[in-house]
Amino acid sequence: MGIYSITFLTFPLATIIAFIVSPLMQQSLGWQSPFYLSTIGSIVCGTFFLSIRGTGLTIESPARTKTSFKEVMKNSAALKVGLIWLLYNLASAGFVTWTPTLLFTYKDLNLLSASSLSSLYMVVTMFLIPVYGWAADKYRKRKTILAIGLVGMACSVPSLIYLNGLMLIPVIIFVGVFASAIPAQALALMGETMPLEKSGIGFGMMSFWNRTATVVVAPLVGFLLDATQSMVQSFVCISIFAVLSASFTLTLRQKIVL
């Protein structure tokens, strides 16, 4: 199940590139240039996707049953995993979205430096997510790894409030180290709490919560920042999401149903 961690390499890599390239483009080509680049990238990805031919690979389930969405929604373990994933993504997306702005505004860093420092979070996760996936497959301690990662993330994020300059680097790295523990475990737990013939709905729910968090947290933290004009409340809000996610993790009873 740790193989799911490989799929998360693309997002950190893309974010690292965006954090470095976007400020340079804005300074030299204007603020609209990143939007033009993203439009071109979307067209290229769509064209590439349409050009891919199916492999004909099918997975046969030992017992075929009709998938009932109502039945899936009654799976309390799957719903808890989804909630854990939602809250984690609120913390992670909030950190990725707003840390460059907060460092630029309150830590006297230029836009390029703030974005480059923030990208360290993604650099760390890009390398460590597969490692955590391998470790969980080997030692079968998914719940423990989840809890430690979320608690560590919740504790390290507020530390940025009190540090400046080069001292920000190790803290951002620590946030990435702890955050890397979550994705592979959450996806694997969803796979282990759902019957194989209903795995499509299970992973669809995970994708839904991920997108929901991305849509919700950006305006939420932005509203909080506008209302308080304070870096403290913004980082504390991000940390609270990780705390709540850890709390639900402790109530999770893993049951493999495959």
Protein backbone atom coordinates (compact mmCIF):
# COMPACT_ATOMS: atom_id res chain seq x y z
CA MET A 1 0.00 0.00 0.00
CA GLY A 2 2.97 2.32 0.45
CA ILE A 3 3.19 2.42 -3.36
CA TYR A 4 0.53 5.15 -3.19
CA SER A 5 3.26 7.45 -1.87
CA ILE A 6 4.87 7.54 -5.32
CA THR A 7 1.87 9.43 -6.71
CA PHE A 8 2.62 12.27 -4.29
CA LEU A 9 6.05 12.99 -5.79
CA THR A 10 4.55 15.02 -8.63
CA PHE A 11 2.75 17.59 -6.47
CA PRO A 12 5.79 18.58 -4.34
CA LEU A 13 7.99 18.75 -7.44
CA ALA A 14 5.50 20.97 -9.28
CA THR A 15 5.11 23.21 -6.22
CA ILE A 16 8.88 23.62 -5.83
CA ILE A 17 9.22 24.66 -9.47
CA ALA A 18 6.25 27.04 -9.18
CA PHE A 19 7.57 28.69 -6.00
CA ILE A 20 10.90 29.42 -7.70
CA VAL A 21 9.75 30.27 -11.22
CA SER A 22 6.63 32.31 -10.41
CA PRO A 23 8.37 35.18 -8.53
CA LEU A 24 11.03 35.42 -11.26
CA MET A 25 8.36 35.59 -13.95
CA GLN A 26 6.38 38.22 -12.05
CA GLN A 27 9.45 40.41 -11.62
CA SER A 28 10.57 40.18 -15.25
CA LEU A 29 7.36 39.59 -17.26
CA GLY A 30 4.60 41.00 -15.06
CA TRP A 31 2.13 39.51 -12.59
CA GLN A 32 -0.02 37.98 -15.34
CA SER A 33 2.75 35.72 -16.67
CA PRO A 34 2.25 32.79 -14.22
CA PHE A 35 -1.40 32.60 -15.28
CA TYR A 36 -0.38 32.37 -18.94
CA LEU A 37 2.11 29.64 -18.10
CA SER A 38 -0.49 27.65 -16.12
CA THR A 39 -2.93 27.88 -19.03
CA ILE A 40 -0.32 26.55 -21.44
CA GLY A 41 0.58 23.79 -18.97
CA SER A 42 -3.07 22.76 -18.63
CA ILE A 43 -3.48 22.52 -22.39
CA VAL A 44 -0.30 20.42 -22.72
CA CYS A 45 -1.43 18.07 -19.91
CA GLY A 46 -4.89 17.69 -21.41
CA THR A 47 -3.44 16.92 -24.83
CA PHE A 48 -1.03 14.38 -23.36
CA PHE A 49 -3.83 12.71 -21.39
CA LEU A 50 -6.03 12.40 -24.49
CA SER A 51 -3.15 10.84 -26.40
CA ILE A 52 -2.71 8.00 -23.89
CA ARG A 53 -4.21 4.71 -24.97
CA GLY A 54 -5.72 2.31 -22.45
CA THR A 55 -3.60 -0.63 -21.36
CA GLY A 56 -6.50 -3.06 -21.12
CA LEU A 57 -5.53 -3.84 -17.53
CA THR A 58 -8.43 -4.99 -15.38
CA ILE A 59 -8.50 -6.03 -11.74
CA GLU A 60 -10.80 -8.88 -10.89
CA SER A 61 -12.41 -8.84 -7.47
CA PRO A 62 -13.01 -12.25 -5.91
CA ALA A 63 -16.61 -11.36 -5.13
CA ARG A 64 -18.42 -8.90 -7.37
CA THR A 65 -21.18 -6.93 -5.74
CA LYS A 66 -23.05 -3.80 -6.68
CA THR A 67 -21.47 -0.68 -5.26
CA SER A 68 -23.85 1.13 -2.95
CA PHE A 69 -22.85 4.69 -2.08
CA LYS A 70 -25.15 4.55 0.94
CA GLU A 71 -23.36 1.43 2.15
CA VAL A 72 -19.99 3.13 1.73
CA MET A 73 -21.16 6.16 3.70
CA LYS A 74 -22.05 3.85 6.60
CA ASN A 75 -18.42 2.73 6.82
CA SER A 76 -17.36 4.72 9.90
CA ALA A 77 -13.68 3.82 9.54
CA ALA A 78 -13.62 5.15 5.97
CA LEU A 79 -15.37 8.35 7.04
CA LYS A 80 -12.84 8.87 9.83
CA VAL A 81 -9.96 8.40 7.42
CA GLY A 82 -11.61 10.92 5.09
CA LEU A 83 -12.00 13.41 7.93
CA ILE A 84 -8.37 12.93 8.97
CA TRP A 85 -7.34 13.51 5.36
CA LEU A 86 -9.52 16.64 5.08
CA LEU A 87 -8.09 18.23 8.22
CA TYR A 88 -4.53 17.36 7.26
CA ASN A 89 -5.01 18.91 3.83
CA LEU A 90 -6.46 22.05 5.43
CA ALA A 91 -3.22 22.35 7.41
CA SER A 92 -0.93 21.41 4.52
CA ALA A 93 -2.64 23.54 1.86
CA GLY A 94 -2.88 26.45 4.29
CA PHE A 95 0.84 26.21 4.98
CA VAL A 96 1.83 25.95 1.32
CA THR A 97 -0.53 28.74 0.23
CA TRP A 98 0.11 31.33 2.91
CA THR A 99 3.64 30.79 4.23
CA PRO A 100 5.29 32.73 1.35
CA THR A 101 2.96 35.67 1.95
CA LEU A 102 3.43 35.60 5.72
CA LEU A 103 7.23 35.42 5.46
CA PHE A 104 7.26 38.20 2.87
CA THR A 105 4.97 40.44 4.93
CA TYR A 106 6.17 39.84 8.49
CA LYS A 107 9.73 38.51 8.23
CA ASP A 108 11.23 41.20 5.95
CA LEU A 109 12.08 38.74 3.18
CA ASN A 110 11.83 39.53 -0.51
CA LEU A 111 9.33 37.58 -2.59
CA LEU A 112 11.90 35.21 -4.08
CA SER A 113 13.47 34.39 -0.70
CA ALA A 114 10.07 33.84 0.95
CA SER A 115 8.95 31.52 -1.85
CA SER A 116 12.25 29.62 -1.91
CA LEU A 117 12.18 29.08 1.86
CA SER A 118 8.57 27.89 1.70
CA SER A 119 9.45 25.44 -1.06
CA LEU A 120 11.73 23.59 1.38
CA TYR A 121 8.53 22.05 2.77
CA MET A 122 7.86 20.44 -0.60
CA VAL A 123 11.49 19.44 -1.16
CA VAL A 124 11.42 17.45 2.07
CA THR A 125 8.04 15.83 1.41
CA MET A 126 9.08 14.86 -2.10
CA PHE A 127 11.85 12.63 -0.75
CA LEU A 128 10.33 11.43 2.53
CA ILE A 129 6.79 10.44 1.55
CA PRO A 130 7.97 7.24 -0.20
CA VAL A 131 10.23 6.46 2.78
CA TYR A 132 7.31 6.69 5.20
CA GLY A 133 5.24 4.53 2.86
CA TRP A 134 7.93 1.85 2.82
CA ALA A 135 8.33 2.00 6.61
CA ALA A 136 4.59 1.65 7.20
CA ASP A 137 4.37 -1.35 4.85
CA LYS A 138 7.26 -2.99 6.68
CA TYR A 139 6.29 -2.29 10.29
CA ARG A 140 2.47 -1.96 9.90
CA LYS A 141 2.30 1.04 12.25
CA ARG A 142 0.15 3.35 10.14
CA LYS A 143 -1.89 4.84 12.99
CA THR A 144 1.24 5.53 15.06
CA ILE A 145 3.04 7.18 12.14
CA LEU A 146 -0.05 9.28 11.38
CA ALA A 147 -0.39 10.48 14.97
CA ILE A 148 3.31 11.34 15.38
CA GLY A 149 3.39 13.18 12.06
CA LEU A 150 0.30 15.26 12.79
CA VAL A 151 1.34 16.16 16.35
CA GLY A 152 4.83 17.08 15.14
CA MET A 153 3.37 19.23 12.38
CA ALA A 154 1.04 20.97 14.82
CA CYS A 155 3.93 21.77 17.18
CA SER A 156 6.46 22.92 14.57
CA VAL A 157 4.27 25.31 12.52
CA PRO A 158 3.78 27.89 15.33
CA SER A 159 7.55 27.98 15.90
CA LEU A 160 7.84 30.09 12.75
CA ILE A 161 6.19 32.94 14.63
CA TYR A 162 9.19 33.42 16.92
CA LEU A 163 12.10 32.86 14.51
CA ASN A 164 13.76 34.97 11.84
CA GLY A 165 16.37 34.71 9.13
CA LEU A 166 18.27 31.45 8.74
CA MET A 167 16.52 29.97 11.79
CA LEU A 168 13.40 29.63 9.64
CA ILE A 169 15.10 27.00 7.49
CA PRO A 170 15.31 24.10 10.00
CA VAL A 171 11.77 24.72 11.25
CA ILE A 172 10.29 24.60 7.73
CA ILE A 173 12.27 21.41 7.14
CA PHE A 174 10.88 19.91 10.35
CA VAL A 175 7.34 20.80 9.26
CA GLY A 176 8.01 18.95 6.01
CA VAL A 177 9.49 15.95 7.84
CA PHE A 178 6.38 15.54 9.97
CA ALA A 179 3.90 16.33 7.18
CA SER A 180 5.52 13.69 4.94
CA ALA A 181 4.26 10.97 7.27
CA ILE A 182 0.60 11.51 6.40
CA PRO A 183 -0.26 11.01 2.69
CA ALA A 184 0.84 7.40 2.16
CA GLN A 185 -0.69 6.26 5.46
CA ALA A 186 -4.02 7.96 4.83
CA LEU A 187 -4.39 6.51 1.32
CA ALA A 188 -3.32 3.05 2.48
CA LEU A 189 -5.78 3.14 5.39
CA MET A 190 -8.59 4.06 3.02
CA GLY A 191 -7.65 1.11 0.84
CA GLU A 192 -7.61 -1.19 3.87
CA THR A 193 -10.95 -0.04 5.26
CA MET A 194 -12.88 -0.38 1.98
CA PRO A 195 -13.77 -3.57 0.09
CA LEU A 196 -11.84 -3.92 -3.16
CA GLU A 197 -14.96 -3.55 -5.33
CA LYS A 198 -15.70 -0.21 -3.64
CA SER A 199 -12.15 1.18 -3.77
CA GLY A 200 -13.12 3.62 -6.54
CA ILE A 201 -15.57 5.42 -4.27
CA GLY A 202 -13.08 5.32 -1.40
CA PHE A 203 -10.32 7.02 -3.35
CA GLY A 204 -12.86 9.34 -4.96
CA MET A 205 -13.80 10.48 -1.45
CA MET A 206 -10.12 11.11 -0.66
CA SER A 207 -9.77 13.23 -3.78
CA PHE A 208 -12.96 15.12 -2.89
CA TRP A 209 -11.71 15.98 0.62
CA ASN A 210 -8.35 17.04 -0.80
CA ARG A 211 -9.96 19.44 -3.27
CA THR A 212 -12.40 20.68 -0.63
CA ALA A 213 -9.55 21.56 1.70
CA THR A 214 -7.72 23.44 -1.05
CA VAL A 215 -10.83 25.46 -1.91
CA VAL A 216 -11.76 26.23 1.72
CA VAL A 217 -8.45 27.00 3.41
CA ALA A 218 -7.11 29.69 1.06
CA PRO A 219 -9.98 32.17 1.62
CA LEU A 220 -10.34 31.09 5.27
CA VAL A 221 -6.77 31.93 6.26
CA GLY A 222 -6.88 34.97 3.99
CA PHE A 223 -9.99 36.26 5.76
CA LEU A 224 -8.34 35.64 9.13
CA LEU A 225 -5.23 37.52 8.03
CA ASP A 226 -7.27 40.46 6.74
CA ALA A 227 -9.33 40.58 9.93
CA THR A 228 -6.45 40.34 12.40
CA GLN A 229 -3.46 41.64 10.40
CA SER A 230 -1.45 39.13 12.40
CA MET A 231 0.85 36.28 11.46
CA VAL A 232 0.21 34.59 14.81
CA GLN A 233 -3.47 33.77 14.26
CA SER A 234 -2.77 32.49 10.74
CA PHE A 235 -0.10 29.99 11.80
CA VAL A 236 -2.11 28.97 14.87
CA CYS A 237 -5.15 28.31 12.66
CA ILE A 238 -3.05 26.03 10.41
CA SER A 239 -1.71 24.24 13.49
CA ILE A 240 -5.23 23.69 14.89
CA PHE A 241 -6.21 21.77 11.77
CA ALA A 242 -3.29 19.38 12.37
CA VAL A 243 -4.28 18.98 16.03
CA LEU A 244 -7.85 18.10 15.09
CA SER A 245 -6.61 15.61 12.51
CA ALA A 246 -4.38 13.96 15.14
CA SER A 247 -7.33 13.78 17.55
CA PHE A 248 -9.43 11.81 15.06
CA THR A 249 -6.45 9.59 14.28
CA LEU A 250 -6.35 8.45 17.90
CA THR A 251 -9.99 7.29 17.64
CA LEU A 252 -9.35 5.27 14.49
CA ARG A 253 -9.64 1.51 14.76
CA GLN A 254 -7.95 0.00 11.77
CA LYS A 255 -9.81 -2.91 10.27
CA ILE A 256 -8.66 -4.48 7.03
CA VAL A 257 -11.64 -5.64 4.97
CA LEU A 258 -9.98 -6.67 1.70
